[in-house]
Amino acid sequence: MYKIRSYDTLINEAYERISKGMPFDKDFKPYNKKFIGVMISYFEEREYFEKCQTLKKFEENLDHERNYTQWTQKI
């Protein structure tokens, strides 16, 4: 059986993973800057500015070449 996920669910689940220090989705694919930008816009529209700050901090430390070592060291 397939579970249909809404856009809200997708964004909120991704945020929860990022806030817990997991820079990958459920399929172990790293989040990219474009998707993080979409998430920031989503939360700005809904005025969740604390979540925006968390995502902006994550985006600043997003570094595929260094395997996210900057992000994991700051947690």
Protein backbone atom coordinates (compact mmCIF):
# COMPACT_ATOMS: atom_id res chain seq x y z
CA MET A 1 0.00 0.00 0.00
CA TYR A 2 1.27 3.46 -0.89
CA LYS A 3 1.14 6.41 1.44
CA ILE A 4 0.32 9.73 -0.19
CA ARG A 5 2.34 12.52 1.34
CA SER A 6 1.33 16.14 1.14
CA TYR A 7 3.66 19.01 0.41
CA ASP A 8 3.31 20.20 4.01
CA THR A 9 4.29 16.78 5.32
CA LEU A 10 7.32 16.62 3.03
CA ILE A 11 8.62 20.02 4.15
CA ASN A 12 7.98 19.40 7.84
CA GLU A 13 9.57 15.94 7.81
CA ALA A 14 12.64 17.32 6.07
CA TYR A 15 12.87 20.13 8.63
CA GLU A 16 12.64 17.65 11.50
CA ARG A 17 15.48 15.60 10.05
CA ILE A 18 17.65 18.68 9.57
CA SER A 19 16.92 20.01 13.05
CA LYS A 20 18.00 16.65 14.51
CA GLY A 21 21.34 16.87 12.70
CA MET A 22 20.52 14.55 9.79
CA PRO A 23 21.53 16.28 6.53
CA PHE A 24 20.07 13.45 4.40
CA ASP A 25 16.55 12.46 3.41
CA LYS A 26 15.07 9.01 4.12
CA ASP A 27 16.79 7.62 1.01
CA PHE A 28 20.16 8.96 2.23
CA LYS A 29 20.31 11.62 -0.47
CA PRO A 30 21.79 14.90 0.78
CA TYR A 31 19.58 17.97 0.80
CA ASN A 32 20.64 20.56 -1.75
CA LYS A 33 20.64 24.34 -1.51
CA LYS A 34 17.67 24.69 -3.87
CA PHE A 35 15.46 22.52 -1.66
CA ILE A 36 16.64 24.34 1.47
CA GLY A 37 15.67 27.61 -0.23
CA VAL A 38 12.20 26.24 -0.97
CA MET A 39 11.86 25.21 2.67
CA ILE A 40 12.91 28.66 3.88
CA SER A 41 10.34 30.31 1.61
CA TYR A 42 7.66 27.90 2.84
CA PHE A 43 8.33 28.74 6.50
CA GLU A 44 8.67 32.48 5.82
CA GLU A 45 5.20 32.51 4.26
CA ARG A 46 3.83 30.86 7.40
CA GLU A 47 5.90 33.13 9.69
CA TYR A 48 7.91 30.34 11.34
CA PHE A 49 11.01 32.46 11.59
CA GLU A 50 12.77 30.23 14.14
CA LYS A 51 12.67 27.39 11.62
CA CYS A 52 14.01 29.75 8.96
CA GLN A 53 17.01 30.57 11.13
CA THR A 54 17.76 26.88 11.66
CA LEU A 55 17.60 26.26 7.92
CA LYS A 56 19.75 29.29 7.10
CA LYS A 57 22.38 28.07 9.55
CA PHE A 58 22.25 24.64 7.92
CA GLU A 59 22.50 26.18 4.44
CA GLU A 60 25.60 28.16 5.43
CA ASN A 61 27.31 24.96 6.53
CA LEU A 62 26.10 22.84 3.61
CA ASP A 63 29.22 21.43 2.01
CA HIS A 64 29.02 18.25 -0.08
CA GLU A 65 32.76 18.22 -0.69
CA ARG A 66 33.61 18.05 3.01
CA ASN A 67 30.86 15.50 3.70
CA TYR A 68 29.01 17.85 6.04
CA THR A 69 31.82 17.88 8.61
CA GLN A 70 31.14 21.56 9.37
CA TRP A 71 27.48 20.85 10.17
CA THR A 72 28.13 17.84 12.40
CA GLN A 73 30.84 19.61 14.39
CA LYS A 74 28.51 22.48 15.34
CA ILE A 75 25.76 20.27 16.76
